[in-house]
């Protein structure tokens, strides 16, 4: 059997199998789909940033920016943040009982390469810097 005929029959079977509310949904393999076109800028909050090949923020992630879920009392993210802060406040205190650190939770969610790597002393050849 020819490979192209076999692949065609597999795709045909997959198309028949993928049905939702009597609507056929076609999905291409990620290796065959061209990358989406890059938009000129990325808007996060009230600031616009240049979008490039390294930008990895999806629209869904952007929909959560500005909601401050980690600062909403009772939200699971707030509970985890408070528990971690409470632990460090109790574990690391000065002689007078004051904490030796403070919590900064209203910083911008957008970080530069310098903030993400250089200020943390990540070497230039570290695997985390690879795309």
N, C-alpha and C. Protein backbone atom coordinates (compact mmCIF):
# COMPACT_ATOMS: atom_id res chain seq x y z
N UNK A 1 0.84 -1.18 0.00
CA UNK A 1 0.00 0.00 0.00
C UNK A 1 0.89 1.24 0.00
N UNK A 2 0.52 2.20 -0.78
CA UNK A 2 1.26 3.45 -0.90
C UNK A 2 1.13 4.25 0.40
N UNK A 3 2.23 4.89 0.84
CA UNK A 3 2.20 5.66 2.08
C UNK A 3 1.22 6.82 2.01
N UNK A 4 1.13 7.48 0.85
CA UNK A 4 0.22 8.62 0.73
C UNK A 4 -1.23 8.18 0.83
N UNK A 5 -1.56 7.00 0.28
CA UNK A 5 -2.92 6.48 0.37
C UNK A 5 -3.22 6.10 1.82
N UNK A 6 -2.25 5.49 2.50
CA UNK A 6 -2.42 5.10 3.89
C UNK A 6 -2.62 6.33 4.77
N UNK A 7 -1.82 7.35 4.55
CA UNK A 7 -1.94 8.59 5.33
C UNK A 7 -3.28 9.25 5.06
N UNK A 8 -3.72 9.23 3.80
CA UNK A 8 -5.01 9.82 3.46
C UNK A 8 -6.14 9.08 4.15
N UNK A 9 -6.08 7.75 4.19
CA UNK A 9 -7.15 7.01 4.84
C UNK A 9 -7.14 7.24 6.35
N UNK A 10 -5.94 7.40 6.93
CA UNK A 10 -5.87 7.69 8.37
C UNK A 10 -6.46 9.06 8.66
N UNK A 11 -6.16 10.04 7.83
CA UNK A 11 -6.71 11.39 8.02
C UNK A 11 -8.22 11.37 7.83
N UNK A 12 -8.69 10.62 6.83
CA UNK A 12 -10.13 10.52 6.60
C UNK A 12 -10.83 9.90 7.80
N UNK A 13 -10.22 8.87 8.37
CA UNK A 13 -10.81 8.23 9.55
C UNK A 13 -10.82 9.19 10.73
N UNK A 14 -9.74 9.95 10.88
CA UNK A 14 -9.67 10.90 11.98
C UNK A 14 -10.71 12.00 11.82
N UNK A 15 -10.93 12.45 10.59
CA UNK A 15 -11.92 13.50 10.35
C UNK A 15 -13.31 12.99 10.71
N UNK A 16 -13.60 11.76 10.36
CA UNK A 16 -14.91 11.20 10.69
C UNK A 16 -15.07 11.04 12.19
N UNK A 17 -13.96 10.74 12.90
CA UNK A 17 -14.03 10.50 14.34
C UNK A 17 -14.16 11.77 15.15
N UNK A 18 -13.69 12.88 14.62
CA UNK A 18 -13.71 14.13 15.38
C UNK A 18 -14.97 14.90 15.02
N UNK A 19 -15.99 14.70 15.79
CA UNK A 19 -17.26 15.42 15.56
C UNK A 19 -17.74 15.96 16.89
N UNK A 20 -18.23 17.16 16.87
CA UNK A 20 -18.76 17.78 18.06
C UNK A 20 -19.98 18.58 17.65
N UNK A 21 -21.13 18.22 18.16
CA UNK A 21 -22.39 18.89 17.84
C UNK A 21 -22.62 18.95 16.34
N UNK A 22 -22.41 17.83 15.69
CA UNK A 22 -22.57 17.66 14.24
C UNK A 22 -21.73 18.63 13.42
N UNK A 23 -20.65 19.15 14.03
CA UNK A 23 -19.72 20.01 13.32
C UNK A 23 -18.38 19.31 13.25
N UNK A 24 -17.86 19.19 12.08
CA UNK A 24 -16.56 18.53 11.92
C UNK A 24 -15.47 19.53 12.26
N UNK A 25 -14.57 19.11 13.12
CA UNK A 25 -13.44 19.95 13.47
C UNK A 25 -12.18 19.32 12.93
N UNK A 26 -11.43 20.07 12.17
CA UNK A 26 -10.17 19.57 11.60
C UNK A 26 -9.02 20.11 12.42
N UNK A 27 -8.08 19.26 12.73
CA UNK A 27 -6.91 19.69 13.47
C UNK A 27 -5.67 19.26 12.70
N UNK A 28 -4.81 20.18 12.41
CA UNK A 28 -3.56 19.86 11.72
C UNK A 28 -2.50 19.51 12.75
N UNK A 29 -1.55 18.70 12.36
CA UNK A 29 -0.44 18.40 13.24
C UNK A 29 0.38 19.65 13.44
N UNK A 30 0.92 19.82 14.64
CA UNK A 30 1.69 21.03 14.92
C UNK A 30 2.93 21.14 14.04
N UNK A 31 3.44 20.01 13.58
CA UNK A 31 4.64 20.06 12.74
C UNK A 31 4.32 20.52 11.32
N UNK A 32 3.05 20.41 10.92
CA UNK A 32 2.70 20.80 9.56
C UNK A 32 2.07 22.18 9.50
N UNK A 33 1.64 22.71 10.62
CA UNK A 33 0.99 24.01 10.66
C UNK A 33 2.05 25.11 10.71
N UNK A 34 1.95 26.11 9.86
CA UNK A 34 2.92 27.21 9.95
C UNK A 34 2.70 27.99 11.24
N UNK A 35 3.75 28.59 11.79
CA UNK A 35 3.57 29.35 13.02
C UNK A 35 2.65 30.54 12.78
N UNK A 36 1.89 30.93 13.82
CA UNK A 36 1.00 32.07 13.63
C UNK A 36 1.81 33.34 13.38
N UNK A 37 1.26 34.25 12.61
CA UNK A 37 2.00 35.49 12.36
C UNK A 37 2.18 36.28 13.64
N UNK A 38 3.33 36.88 13.77
CA UNK A 38 3.62 37.67 14.96
C UNK A 38 2.92 39.02 14.87
N UNK A 39 2.25 39.36 15.94
CA UNK A 39 1.62 40.67 15.99
C UNK A 39 2.68 41.70 16.35
N UNK A 40 2.43 42.92 16.01
CA UNK A 40 3.43 43.97 16.21
C UNK A 40 3.73 44.22 17.68
N UNK A 41 2.71 44.25 18.52
CA UNK A 41 2.98 44.54 19.92
C UNK A 41 2.11 43.67 20.81
N UNK A 42 2.50 43.59 22.05
CA UNK A 42 1.82 42.80 23.05
C UNK A 42 1.36 43.77 24.13
N UNK A 43 0.08 43.83 24.38
CA UNK A 43 -0.45 44.76 25.38
C UNK A 43 -0.68 44.01 26.67
N UNK A 44 -0.05 44.47 27.72
CA UNK A 44 -0.18 43.87 29.04
C UNK A 44 -0.48 44.99 30.01
N UNK A 45 -1.71 45.01 30.49
CA UNK A 45 -2.13 46.12 31.34
C UNK A 45 -2.25 47.38 30.50
N UNK A 46 -1.56 48.41 30.91
CA UNK A 46 -1.60 49.68 30.16
C UNK A 46 -0.31 49.92 29.37
N UNK A 47 0.53 48.89 29.25
CA UNK A 47 1.79 49.04 28.52
C UNK A 47 1.80 48.14 27.30
N UNK A 48 2.49 48.59 26.25
CA UNK A 48 2.65 47.79 25.03
C UNK A 48 4.11 47.39 24.89
N UNK A 49 4.33 46.15 24.50
CA UNK A 49 5.68 45.61 24.34
C UNK A 49 5.82 45.06 22.94
N UNK A 50 7.05 45.13 22.42
CA UNK A 50 7.32 44.54 21.11
C UNK A 50 7.24 43.03 21.22
N UNK A 51 6.62 42.42 20.23
CA UNK A 51 6.51 40.96 20.18
C UNK A 51 7.60 40.46 19.23
N UNK A 52 8.31 39.42 19.65
CA UNK A 52 9.35 38.84 18.81
C UNK A 52 9.24 37.32 18.83
N UNK A 53 10.22 36.65 18.27
CA UNK A 53 10.18 35.19 18.18
C UNK A 53 10.29 34.52 19.55
N UNK A 54 10.74 35.23 20.56
CA UNK A 54 10.87 34.67 21.90
C UNK A 54 9.62 34.85 22.74
N UNK A 55 8.70 35.64 22.28
CA UNK A 55 7.48 35.90 23.05
C UNK A 55 6.66 34.62 23.15
N UNK A 56 6.29 34.25 24.38
CA UNK A 56 5.55 33.01 24.57
C UNK A 56 4.26 33.20 25.35
N UNK A 57 3.74 34.39 25.37
CA UNK A 57 2.53 34.67 26.14
C UNK A 57 1.31 34.46 25.24
N UNK A 58 0.40 33.63 25.73
CA UNK A 58 -0.82 33.35 24.97
C UNK A 58 -1.93 34.32 25.38
N UNK A 59 -2.95 34.47 24.56
CA UNK A 59 -4.08 35.33 24.93
C UNK A 59 -4.74 34.88 26.23
N UNK A 60 -4.79 33.58 26.48
CA UNK A 60 -5.40 33.10 27.72
C UNK A 60 -4.63 33.57 28.94
N UNK A 61 -3.31 33.49 28.87
CA UNK A 61 -2.49 33.97 29.99
C UNK A 61 -2.72 35.47 30.17
N UNK A 62 -2.75 36.21 29.08
CA UNK A 62 -2.97 37.66 29.18
C UNK A 62 -4.33 37.99 29.80
N UNK A 63 -5.31 37.12 29.64
CA UNK A 63 -6.63 37.39 30.21
C UNK A 63 -6.60 37.39 31.74
N UNK A 64 -5.59 36.76 32.34
CA UNK A 64 -5.48 36.74 33.80
C UNK A 64 -4.68 37.91 34.36
N UNK A 65 -3.93 38.58 33.52
CA UNK A 65 -3.10 39.70 33.99
C UNK A 65 -4.01 40.83 34.43
N UNK A 66 -3.69 41.36 35.58
CA UNK A 66 -4.48 42.48 36.11
C UNK A 66 -5.61 42.06 37.02
N UNK A 67 -5.89 40.77 37.11
CA UNK A 67 -6.96 40.31 37.99
C UNK A 67 -6.49 40.18 39.43
N UNK A 68 -5.18 40.14 39.64
CA UNK A 68 -4.57 40.07 40.98
C UNK A 68 -5.17 38.96 41.83
N UNK A 69 -5.27 37.77 41.28
CA UNK A 69 -5.83 36.65 42.01
C UNK A 69 -5.01 36.32 43.26
N UNK A 70 -3.71 36.55 43.19
CA UNK A 70 -2.84 36.28 44.34
C UNK A 70 -3.06 37.28 45.48
N UNK A 71 -3.81 38.33 45.22
CA UNK A 71 -4.10 39.33 46.26
C UNK A 71 -5.57 39.33 46.65
N UNK A 72 -6.36 38.41 46.10
CA UNK A 72 -7.79 38.31 46.43
C UNK A 72 -7.96 37.36 47.61
N UNK A 73 -8.35 37.92 48.75
CA UNK A 73 -8.49 37.14 49.98
C UNK A 73 -9.40 35.93 49.73
N UNK A 74 -8.92 34.76 50.13
CA UNK A 74 -9.69 33.53 49.98
C UNK A 74 -9.38 32.75 48.72
N UNK A 75 -8.71 33.37 47.74
CA UNK A 75 -8.35 32.65 46.52
C UNK A 75 -7.19 31.70 46.84
N UNK A 76 -7.16 30.51 46.23
CA UNK A 76 -6.08 29.55 46.51
C UNK A 76 -4.68 30.12 46.32
N UNK A 77 -4.48 30.97 45.32
CA UNK A 77 -3.15 31.58 45.14
C UNK A 77 -2.81 32.49 46.31
N UNK A 78 -3.80 33.22 46.82
CA UNK A 78 -3.58 34.09 47.97
C UNK A 78 -3.22 33.25 49.19
N UNK A 79 -3.92 32.12 49.38
CA UNK A 79 -3.66 31.26 50.54
C UNK A 79 -2.24 30.71 50.52
N UNK A 80 -1.77 30.27 49.34
CA UNK A 80 -0.41 29.75 49.23
C UNK A 80 0.59 30.86 49.50
N UNK A 81 0.36 32.03 48.91
CA UNK A 81 1.28 33.16 49.11
C UNK A 81 1.36 33.53 50.59
N UNK A 82 0.23 33.59 51.28
CA UNK A 82 0.22 33.93 52.70
C UNK A 82 0.92 32.88 53.54
N UNK A 83 0.73 31.62 53.20
CA UNK A 83 1.37 30.55 53.96
C UNK A 83 2.89 30.61 53.81
N UNK A 84 3.36 30.85 52.60
CA UNK A 84 4.81 30.96 52.37
C UNK A 84 5.36 32.18 53.11
N UNK A 85 4.68 33.31 53.01
CA UNK A 85 5.13 34.53 53.71
C UNK A 85 5.15 34.32 55.22
N UNK A 86 4.12 33.67 55.75
CA UNK A 86 4.07 33.40 57.20
C UNK A 86 5.25 32.53 57.62
N UNK A 87 5.56 31.52 56.81
CA UNK A 87 6.70 30.65 57.14
C UNK A 87 7.99 31.45 57.20
N UNK A 88 8.26 32.27 56.18
CA UNK A 88 9.50 33.03 56.16
C UNK A 88 9.53 34.11 57.23
N UNK A 89 8.37 34.70 57.53
CA UNK A 89 8.34 35.70 58.61
C UNK A 89 8.68 35.06 59.95
N UNK A 90 8.21 33.84 60.18
CA UNK A 90 8.50 33.18 61.46
C UNK A 90 9.90 32.57 61.49
N UNK A 91 10.41 32.11 60.36
CA UNK A 91 11.71 31.44 60.34
C UNK A 91 12.89 32.41 60.28
N UNK A 92 12.70 33.59 59.73
CA UNK A 92 13.80 34.53 59.54
C UNK A 92 13.44 35.87 60.15
N UNK A 93 13.87 36.07 61.40
CA UNK A 93 13.58 37.30 62.13
C UNK A 93 14.86 37.90 62.69
N UNK A 94 14.79 39.20 62.95
CA UNK A 94 15.92 39.87 63.60
C UNK A 94 15.88 39.53 65.09
N UNK A 95 16.85 40.05 65.84
CA UNK A 95 16.90 39.81 67.28
C UNK A 95 15.66 40.36 67.98
N UNK A 96 15.05 41.38 67.40
CA UNK A 96 13.87 42.00 68.01
C UNK A 96 12.56 41.40 67.52
N UNK A 97 12.64 40.38 66.67
CA UNK A 97 11.42 39.71 66.22
C UNK A 97 10.82 40.24 64.93
N UNK A 98 11.54 41.16 64.27
CA UNK A 98 11.04 41.68 63.00
C UNK A 98 11.50 40.79 61.85
N UNK A 99 10.67 40.62 60.82
CA UNK A 99 11.11 39.80 59.68
C UNK A 99 12.26 40.48 58.93
N UNK A 100 13.15 39.68 58.36
CA UNK A 100 14.30 40.22 57.65
C UNK A 100 14.02 40.40 56.16
N UNK A 101 12.80 40.19 55.73
CA UNK A 101 12.43 40.39 54.33
C UNK A 101 11.03 40.97 54.27
N UNK A 102 10.67 41.45 53.11
CA UNK A 102 9.32 41.98 52.91
C UNK A 102 8.73 41.37 51.64
N UNK A 103 7.41 41.39 51.56
CA UNK A 103 6.70 40.81 50.43
C UNK A 103 6.39 41.91 49.43
N UNK A 104 6.77 41.67 48.17
CA UNK A 104 6.45 42.60 47.08
C UNK A 104 5.62 41.83 46.07
N UNK A 105 4.32 42.04 46.07
CA UNK A 105 3.47 41.25 45.19
C UNK A 105 2.70 42.09 44.18
N UNK A 106 3.13 43.30 43.95
CA UNK A 106 2.46 44.14 42.96
C UNK A 106 3.42 44.55 41.84
N UNK A 107 4.38 43.68 41.55
CA UNK A 107 5.36 43.97 40.51
C UNK A 107 4.78 43.66 39.14
N UNK A 108 5.39 44.19 38.11
CA UNK A 108 4.95 43.95 36.74
C UNK A 108 5.16 42.48 36.38
N UNK A 109 4.21 41.86 35.71
CA UNK A 109 4.39 40.46 35.30
C UNK A 109 5.34 40.29 34.12
N UNK A 110 5.72 41.39 33.50
CA UNK A 110 6.63 41.34 32.35
C UNK A 110 8.05 41.56 32.84
N UNK A 111 8.94 40.62 32.49
CA UNK A 111 10.34 40.75 32.89
C UNK A 111 11.22 40.80 31.66
N UNK A 112 12.33 41.49 31.78
CA UNK A 112 13.28 41.59 30.69
C UNK A 112 14.28 40.44 30.79
N UNK A 113 15.09 40.26 29.76
CA UNK A 113 16.15 39.25 29.81
C UNK A 113 17.11 39.54 30.95
N UNK A 114 17.39 40.82 31.17
CA UNK A 114 18.30 41.19 32.25
C UNK A 114 17.71 40.78 33.60
N UNK A 115 16.42 41.04 33.81
CA UNK A 115 15.78 40.68 35.08
C UNK A 115 15.67 39.17 35.25
N UNK A 116 15.41 38.47 34.16
CA UNK A 116 15.15 37.04 34.22
C UNK A 116 16.42 36.21 34.31
N UNK A 117 17.50 36.66 33.72
CA UNK A 117 18.73 35.87 33.69
C UNK A 117 19.93 36.58 34.30
N UNK A 118 20.26 37.75 33.78
CA UNK A 118 21.50 38.42 34.17
C UNK A 118 21.53 38.78 35.65
N UNK A 119 20.46 39.35 36.18
CA UNK A 119 20.47 39.75 37.58
C UNK A 119 20.47 38.54 38.52
N UNK A 120 20.09 37.37 37.99
CA UNK A 120 20.12 36.14 38.79
C UNK A 120 21.40 35.34 38.56
N UNK A 121 22.33 35.94 37.79
CA UNK A 121 23.64 35.36 37.51
C UNK A 121 23.56 34.01 36.78
N UNK A 122 22.60 33.87 35.88
CA UNK A 122 22.49 32.67 35.06
C UNK A 122 23.53 32.79 33.95
N UNK A 123 24.42 31.79 33.81
CA UNK A 123 25.47 31.88 32.79
C UNK A 123 24.89 31.97 31.37
N UNK A 124 25.65 32.60 30.48
CA UNK A 124 25.20 32.79 29.09
C UNK A 124 24.96 31.47 28.38
N UNK A 125 25.69 30.41 28.75
CA UNK A 125 25.54 29.12 28.07
C UNK A 125 24.60 28.17 28.82
N UNK A 126 23.83 28.66 29.78
CA UNK A 126 22.92 27.80 30.56
C UNK A 126 21.75 27.33 29.68
N UNK A 127 21.31 26.08 29.85
CA UNK A 127 20.22 25.55 29.02
C UNK A 127 18.91 26.35 29.12
N UNK A 128 18.68 27.02 30.23
CA UNK A 128 17.45 27.80 30.38
C UNK A 128 17.39 29.00 29.42
N UNK A 129 18.54 29.38 28.89
CA UNK A 129 18.57 30.49 27.93
C UNK A 129 18.33 30.04 26.50
N UNK A 130 18.25 28.74 26.29
CA UNK A 130 18.01 28.22 24.94
C UNK A 130 16.52 28.35 24.61
N UNK A 131 16.24 28.51 23.35
CA UNK A 131 14.85 28.63 22.93
C UNK A 131 14.21 27.27 22.83
